[in-house]
Amino acid sequence: EALLEAQRQGVVIVQSSRTGSGRVTPAGGLRQERGWVAADNLPPSKARILTMLALTRTAEVAEIQRIFDEY
């Protein structure tokens, strides 16, 4: 799978929802197992900006998830 190959090469995967009231939570499931960041209620455009800002501080998935959890 292309996402897993990108992740092996160091790309941080952030999952968000395009629905008006959808949430992507970090708890459980395939997302947590694979080490993806959950964007909670941020739409993809805002999640992308926050990801870029977070990557200026760290590349660690757990720390990026903590940054997302604060917003």
PDB file of N, CA and C in Angstrom:
ATOM      1  N   GLU A   1       0.848  -1.188   0.000  1.00  0.00           N
ATOM      2  CA  GLU A   1       0.000   0.000   0.000  1.00  0.00           C
ATOM      3  C   GLU A   1       0.892   1.249   0.000  1.00  0.00           C
ATOM      4  N   ALA A   2       0.501   2.225  -0.790  1.00  0.00           N
ATOM      5  CA  ALA A   2       1.300   3.438  -0.973  1.00  0.00           C
ATOM      6  C   ALA A   2       1.475   4.222   0.318  1.00  0.00           C
ATOM      7  N   LEU A   3       0.430   4.287   1.146  1.00  0.00           N
ATOM      8  CA  LEU A   3       0.542   5.031   2.406  1.00  0.00           C
ATOM      9  C   LEU A   3       1.566   4.401   3.338  1.00  0.00           C
ATOM     10  N   LEU A   4       1.558   3.085   3.402  1.00  0.00           N
ATOM     11  CA  LEU A   4       2.511   2.410   4.287  1.00  0.00           C
ATOM     12  C   LEU A   4       3.947   2.585   3.793  1.00  0.00           C
ATOM     13  N   GLU A   5       4.134   2.569   2.488  1.00  0.00           N
ATOM     14  CA  GLU A   5       5.474   2.797   1.934  1.00  0.00           C
ATOM     15  C   GLU A   5       5.940   4.217   2.230  1.00  0.00           C
ATOM     16  N   ALA A   6       5.044   5.193   2.081  1.00  0.00           N
ATOM     17  CA  ALA A   6       5.387   6.583   2.396  1.00  0.00           C
ATOM     18  C   ALA A   6       5.749   6.720   3.871  1.00  0.00           C
ATOM     19  N   GLN A   7       4.981   6.042   4.725  1.00  0.00           N
ATOM     20  CA  GLN A   7       5.256   6.103   6.166  1.00  0.00           C
ATOM     21  C   GLN A   7       6.615   5.489   6.487  1.00  0.00           C
ATOM     22  N   ARG A   8       6.950   4.396   5.833  1.00  0.00           N
ATOM     23  CA  ARG A   8       8.274   3.772   6.040  1.00  0.00           C
ATOM     24  C   ARG A   8       9.406   4.724   5.649  1.00  0.00           C
ATOM     25  N   GLN A   9       9.118   5.628   4.722  1.00  0.00           N
ATOM     26  CA  GLN A   9      10.120   6.583   4.285  1.00  0.00           C
ATOM     27  C   GLN A   9      10.108   7.856   5.124  1.00  0.00           C
ATOM     28  N   GLY A  10       9.291   7.890   6.188  1.00  0.00           N
ATOM     29  CA  GLY A  10       9.306   9.010   7.107  1.00  0.00           C
ATOM     30  C   GLY A  10       8.184  10.022   6.967  1.00  0.00           C
ATOM     31  N   VAL A  11       7.232   9.751   6.079  1.00  0.00           N
ATOM     32  CA  VAL A  11       6.098  10.662   5.897  1.00  0.00           C
ATOM     33  C   VAL A  11       5.103  10.458   7.039  1.00  0.00           C
ATOM     34  N   VAL A  12       4.669  11.550   7.648  1.00  0.00           N
ATOM     35  CA  VAL A  12       3.672  11.484   8.724  1.00  0.00           C
ATOM     36  C   VAL A  12       2.290  11.467   8.072  1.00  0.00           C
ATOM     37  N   ILE A  13       1.474  10.475   8.437  1.00  0.00           N
ATOM     38  CA  ILE A  13       0.130  10.328   7.883  1.00  0.00           C
ATOM     39  C   ILE A  13      -0.864  10.923   8.867  1.00  0.00           C
ATOM     40  N   VAL A  14      -1.671  11.886   8.399  1.00  0.00           N
ATOM     41  CA  VAL A  14      -2.701  12.522   9.215  1.00  0.00           C
ATOM     42  C   VAL A  14      -4.041  12.235   8.558  1.00  0.00           C
ATOM     43  N   GLN A  15      -4.986  11.727   9.348  1.00  0.00           N
ATOM     44  CA  GLN A  15      -6.311  11.424   8.819  1.00  0.00           C
ATOM     45  C   GLN A  15      -7.316  12.423   9.364  1.00  0.00           C
ATOM     46  N   SER A  16      -8.117  12.995   8.458  1.00  0.00           N
ATOM     47  CA  SER A  16      -9.170  13.924   8.862  1.00  0.00           C
ATOM     48  C   SER A  16     -10.424  13.607   8.067  1.00  0.00           C
ATOM     49  N   SER A  17     -11.509  14.286   8.404  1.00  0.00           N
ATOM     50  CA  SER A  17     -12.791  14.033   7.763  1.00  0.00           C
ATOM     51  C   SER A  17     -13.238  15.247   6.969  1.00  0.00           C
ATOM     52  N   ARG A  18     -13.844  15.000   5.825  1.00  0.00           N
ATOM     53  CA  ARG A  18     -14.346  16.089   4.994  1.00  0.00           C
ATOM     54  C   ARG A  18     -15.823  16.376   5.271  1.00  0.00           C
ATOM     55  N   THR A  19     -16.453  15.607   6.137  1.00  0.00           N
ATOM     56  CA  THR A  19     -17.861  15.847   6.448  1.00  0.00           C
ATOM     57  C   THR A  19     -17.987  17.054   7.364  1.00  0.00           C
ATOM     58  N   GLY A  20     -19.135  17.693   7.340  1.00  0.00           N
ATOM     59  CA  GLY A  20     -19.335  18.911   8.128  1.00  0.00           C
ATOM     60  C   GLY A  20     -19.223  18.713   9.623  1.00  0.00           C
ATOM     61  N   SER A  21     -19.625  17.555  10.124  1.00  0.00           N
ATOM     62  CA  SER A  21     -19.598  17.338  11.569  1.00  0.00           C
ATOM     63  C   SER A  21     -18.839  16.068  11.949  1.00  0.00           C
ATOM     64  N   GLY A  22     -17.998  15.574  11.057  1.00  0.00           N
ATOM     65  CA  GLY A  22     -17.266  14.342  11.332  1.00  0.00           C
ATOM     66  C   GLY A  22     -16.047  14.566  12.201  1.00  0.00           C
ATOM     67  N   ARG A  23     -15.693  13.534  12.965  1.00  0.00           N
ATOM     68  CA  ARG A  23     -14.503  13.577  13.807  1.00  0.00           C
ATOM     69  C   ARG A  23     -13.675  12.336  13.543  1.00  0.00           C
ATOM     70  N   VAL A  24     -12.374  12.501  13.635  1.00  0.00           N
ATOM     71  CA  VAL A  24     -11.449  11.380  13.546  1.00  0.00           C
ATOM     72  C   VAL A  24     -10.685  11.386  14.862  1.00  0.00           C
ATOM     73  N   THR A  25     -11.002  10.441  15.722  1.00  0.00           N
ATOM     74  CA  THR A  25     -10.392  10.410  17.050  1.00  0.00           C
ATOM     75  C   THR A  25      -9.189   9.465  17.073  1.00  0.00           C
ATOM     76  N   PRO A  26      -8.238   9.722  17.975  1.00  0.00           N
ATOM     77  CA  PRO A  26      -7.021   8.912  18.003  1.00  0.00           C
ATOM     78  C   PRO A  26      -7.184   7.534  18.646  1.00  0.00           C
ATOM     79  N   ALA A  27      -8.294   7.292  19.315  1.00  0.00           N
ATOM     80  CA  ALA A  27      -8.448   6.060  20.086  1.00  0.00           C
ATOM     81  C   ALA A  27      -8.702   4.843  19.201  1.00  0.00           C
ATOM     82  N   GLY A  28      -7.925   3.806  19.428  1.00  0.00           N
ATOM     83  CA  GLY A  28      -8.170   2.485  18.871  1.00  0.00           C
ATOM     84  C   GLY A  28      -8.092   2.347  17.369  1.00  0.00           C
ATOM     85  N   GLY A  29      -8.280   1.117  16.921  1.00  0.00           N
ATOM     86  CA  GLY A  29      -8.400   0.806  15.521  1.00  0.00           C
ATOM     87  C   GLY A  29      -7.114   0.817  14.722  1.00  0.00           C
ATOM     88  N   LEU A  30      -7.306   0.727  13.423  1.00  0.00           N
ATOM     89  CA  LEU A  30      -6.198   0.645  12.480  1.00  0.00           C
ATOM     90  C   LEU A  30      -5.312   1.880  12.516  1.00  0.00           C
ATOM     91  N   ARG A  31      -5.917   3.052  12.708  1.00  0.00           N
ATOM     92  CA  ARG A  31      -5.157   4.303  12.747  1.00  0.00           C
ATOM     93  C   ARG A  31      -4.103   4.265  13.855  1.00  0.00           C
ATOM     94  N   GLN A  32      -4.504   3.860  15.037  1.00  0.00           N
ATOM     95  CA  GLN A  32      -3.563   3.804  16.160  1.00  0.00           C
ATOM     96  C   GLN A  32      -2.527   2.709  15.930  1.00  0.00           C
ATOM     97  N   GLU A  33      -2.959   1.579  15.395  1.00  0.00           N
ATOM     98  CA  GLU A  33      -2.060   0.465  15.129  1.00  0.00           C
ATOM     99  C   GLU A  33      -0.969   0.841  14.127  1.00  0.00           C
ATOM    100  N   ARG A  34      -1.334   1.616  13.124  1.00  0.00           N
ATOM    101  CA  ARG A  34      -0.374   2.007  12.092  1.00  0.00           C
ATOM    102  C   ARG A  34       0.417   3.258  12.443  1.00  0.00           C
ATOM    103  N   GLY A  35       0.032   3.950  13.514  1.00  0.00           N
ATOM    104  CA  GLY A  35       0.775   5.132  13.924  1.00  0.00           C
ATOM    105  C   GLY A  35       0.417   6.379  13.151  1.00  0.00           C
ATOM    106  N   TRP A  36      -0.840   6.479  12.735  1.00  0.00           N
ATOM    107  CA  TRP A  36      -1.299   7.667  12.030  1.00  0.00           C
ATOM    108  C   TRP A  36      -1.790   8.696  13.021  1.00  0.00           C
ATOM    109  N   VAL A  37      -1.753   9.950  12.640  1.00  0.00           N
ATOM    110  CA  VAL A  37      -2.235  11.050  13.477  1.00  0.00           C
ATOM    111  C   VAL A  37      -3.715  11.281  13.160  1.00  0.00           C
ATOM    112  N   ALA A  38      -4.525  11.439  14.197  1.00  0.00           N
ATOM    113  CA  ALA A  38      -5.954  11.727  14.029  1.00  0.00           C
ATOM    114  C   ALA A  38      -6.170  13.228  14.169  1.00  0.00           C
ATOM    115  N   ALA A  39      -6.834  13.829  13.182  1.00  0.00           N
ATOM    116  CA  ALA A  39      -7.024  15.276  13.153  1.00  0.00           C
ATOM    117  C   ALA A  39      -8.250  15.736  13.941  1.00  0.00           C
ATOM    118  N   ASP A  40      -8.945  14.823  14.605  1.00  0.00           N
ATOM    119  CA  ASP A  40     -10.140  15.127  15.390  1.00  0.00           C
ATOM    120  C   ASP A  40     -11.156  15.851  14.516  1.00  0.00           C
ATOM    121  N   ASN A  41     -11.515  17.086  14.832  1.00  0.00           N
ATOM    122  CA  ASN A  41     -12.564  17.782  14.081  1.00  0.00           C
ATOM    123  C   ASN A  41     -12.017  18.804  13.078  1.00  0.00           C
ATOM    124  N   LEU A  42     -10.713  18.794  12.826  1.00  0.00           N
ATOM    125  CA  LEU A  42     -10.151  19.729  11.853  1.00  0.00           C
ATOM    126  C   LEU A  42     -10.410  19.237  10.430  1.00  0.00           C
ATOM    127  N   PRO A  43     -10.878  20.109   9.548  1.00  0.00           N
ATOM    128  CA  PRO A  43     -11.016  19.715   8.144  1.00  0.00           C
ATOM    129  C   PRO A  43      -9.625  19.539   7.532  1.00  0.00           C
ATOM    130  N   PRO A  44      -9.533  18.840   6.392  1.00  0.00           N
ATOM    131  CA  PRO A  44      -8.225  18.565   5.789  1.00  0.00           C
ATOM    132  C   PRO A  44      -7.361  19.799   5.557  1.00  0.00           C
ATOM    133  N   SER A  45      -7.949  20.900   5.152  1.00  0.00           N
ATOM    134  CA  SER A  45      -7.145  22.103   4.883  1.00  0.00           C
ATOM    135  C   SER A  45      -6.463  22.618   6.142  1.00  0.00           C
ATOM    136  N   LYS A  46      -7.178  22.634   7.251  1.00  0.00           N
ATOM    137  CA  LYS A  46      -6.589  23.097   8.514  1.00  0.00           C
ATOM    138  C   LYS A  46      -5.638  22.058   9.095  1.00  0.00           C
ATOM    139  N   ALA A  47      -5.962  20.779   8.912  1.00  0.00           N
ATOM    140  CA  ALA A  47      -5.072  19.715   9.391  1.00  0.00           C
ATOM    141  C   ALA A  47      -3.732  19.776   8.658  1.00  0.00           C
ATOM    142  N   ARG A  48      -3.771  20.106   7.383  1.00  0.00           N
ATOM    143  CA  ARG A  48      -2.531  20.229   6.605  1.00  0.00           C
ATOM    144  C   ARG A  48      -1.661  21.353   7.157  1.00  0.00           C
ATOM    145  N   ILE A  49      -2.259  22.475   7.452  1.00  0.00           N
ATOM    146  CA  ILE A  49      -1.500  23.614   7.992  1.00  0.00           C
ATOM    147  C   ILE A  49      -0.912  23.265   9.353  1.00  0.00           C
ATOM    148  N   LEU A  50      -1.726  22.654  10.220  1.00  0.00           N
ATOM    149  CA  LEU A  50      -1.226  22.277  11.542  1.00  0.00           C
ATOM    150  C   LEU A  50      -0.115  21.237  11.427  1.00  0.00           C
ATOM    151  N   THR A  51      -0.233  20.323  10.474  1.00  0.00           N
ATOM    152  CA  THR A  51       0.826  19.327  10.259  1.00  0.00           C
ATOM    153  C   THR A  51       2.126  20.005   9.854  1.00  0.00           C
ATOM    154  N   MET A  52       2.045  20.956   8.942  1.00  0.00           N
ATOM    155  CA  MET A  52       3.254  21.670   8.520  1.00  0.00           C
ATOM    156  C   MET A  52       3.892  22.407   9.689  1.00  0.00           C
ATOM    157  N   LEU A  53       3.069  23.041  10.513  1.00  0.00           N
ATOM    158  CA  LEU A  53       3.609  23.741  11.683  1.00  0.00           C
ATOM    159  C   LEU A  53       4.217  22.764  12.680  1.00  0.00           C
ATOM    160  N   ALA A  54       3.533  21.644  12.917  1.00  0.00           N
ATOM    161  CA  ALA A  54       4.040  20.644  13.864  1.00  0.00           C
ATOM    162  C   ALA A  54       5.377  20.082  13.395  1.00  0.00           C
ATOM    163  N   LEU A  55       5.521  19.882  12.080  1.00  0.00           N
ATOM    164  CA  LEU A  55       6.761  19.318  11.544  1.00  0.00           C
ATOM    165  C   LEU A  55       7.946  20.271  11.673  1.00  0.00           C
ATOM    166  N   THR A  56       7.682  21.552  11.946  1.00  0.00           N
ATOM    167  CA  THR A  56       8.796  22.464  12.201  1.00  0.00           C
ATOM    168  C   THR A  56       9.368  22.231  13.597  1.00  0.00           C
ATOM    169  N   ARG A  57       8.621  21.533  14.432  1.00  0.00           N
ATOM    170  CA  ARG A  57       9.061  21.239  15.806  1.00  0.00           C
ATOM    171  C   ARG A  57       9.550  19.809  15.994  1.00  0.00           C
ATOM    172  N   THR A  58       8.899  18.844  15.325  1.00  0.00           N
ATOM    173  CA  THR A  58       9.208  17.434  15.558  1.00  0.00           C
ATOM    174  C   THR A  58       8.722  16.590  14.395  1.00  0.00           C
ATOM    175  N   ALA A  59       9.280  15.390  14.269  1.00  0.00           N
ATOM    176  CA  ALA A  59       8.801  14.410  13.297  1.00  0.00           C
ATOM    177  C   ALA A  59       8.237  13.184  14.007  1.00  0.00           C
ATOM    178  N   GLU A  60       8.187  13.234  15.338  1.00  0.00           N
ATOM    179  CA  GLU A  60       7.667  12.114  16.123  1.00  0.00           C
ATOM    180  C   GLU A  60       6.148  12.122  16.098  1.00  0.00           C
ATOM    181  N   VAL A  61       5.573  10.989  15.690  1.00  0.00           N
ATOM    182  CA  VAL A  61       4.120  10.886  15.541  1.00  0.00           C
ATOM    183  C   VAL A  61       3.399  11.163  16.859  1.00  0.00           C
ATOM    184  N   ALA A  62       3.901  10.639  17.958  1.00  0.00           N
ATOM    185  CA  ALA A  62       3.248  10.839  19.252  1.00  0.00           C
ATOM    186  C   ALA A  62       3.204  12.316  19.633  1.00  0.00           C
ATOM    187  N   GLU A  63       4.262  13.027  19.351  1.00  0.00           N
ATOM    188  CA  GLU A  63       4.304  14.460  19.666  1.00  0.00           C
ATOM    189  C   GLU A  63       3.379  15.244  18.737  1.00  0.00           C
ATOM    190  N   ILE A  64       3.333  14.863  17.479  1.00  0.00           N
ATOM    191  CA  ILE A  64       2.410  15.531  16.551  1.00  0.00           C
ATOM    192  C   ILE A  64       0.972  15.271  16.968  1.00  0.00           C
ATOM    193  N   GLN A  65       0.664  14.051  17.406  1.00  0.00           N
ATOM    194  CA  GLN A  65      -0.688  13.752  17.890  1.00  0.00           C
ATOM    195  C   GLN A  65      -1.015  14.613  19.099  1.00  0.00           C
ATOM    196  N   ARG A  66      -0.043  14.823  19.994  1.00  0.00           N
ATOM    197  CA  ARG A  66      -0.261  15.666  21.159  1.00  0.00           C
ATOM    198  C   ARG A  66      -0.590  17.106  20.723  1.00  0.00           C
ATOM    199  N   ILE A  67       0.101  17.584  19.710  1.00  0.00           N
ATOM    200  CA  ILE A  67      -0.169  18.929  19.191  1.00  0.00           C
ATOM    201  C   ILE A  67      -1.597  18.997  18.637  1.00  0.00           C
ATOM    202  N   PHE A  68      -1.997  17.978  17.885  1.00  0.00           N
ATOM    203  CA  PHE A  68      -3.372  17.943  17.370  1.00  0.00           C
ATOM    204  C   PHE A  68      -4.389  17.865  18.505  1.00  0.00           C
ATOM    205  N   ASP A  69      -4.069  17.125  19.544  1.00  0.00           N
ATOM    206  CA  ASP A  69      -4.997  16.986  20.671  1.00  0.00           C
ATOM    207  C   ASP A  69      -5.232  18.300  21.400  1.00  0.00           C
ATOM    208  N   GLU A  70      -4.286  19.232  21.316  1.00  0.00           N
ATOM    209  CA  GLU A  70      -4.441  20.520  21.969  1.00  0.00           C
ATOM    210  C   GLU A  70      -5.411  21.437  21.234  1.00  0.00           C
ATOM    211  N   TYR A  71      -5.684  21.170  19.956  1.00  0.00           N
ATOM    212  CA  TYR A  71      -6.550  22.038  19.153  1.00  0.00           C
ATOM    213  C   TYR A  71      -7.884  21.468  18.872  1.00  0.00           C
TER     214      TYR A  71
END
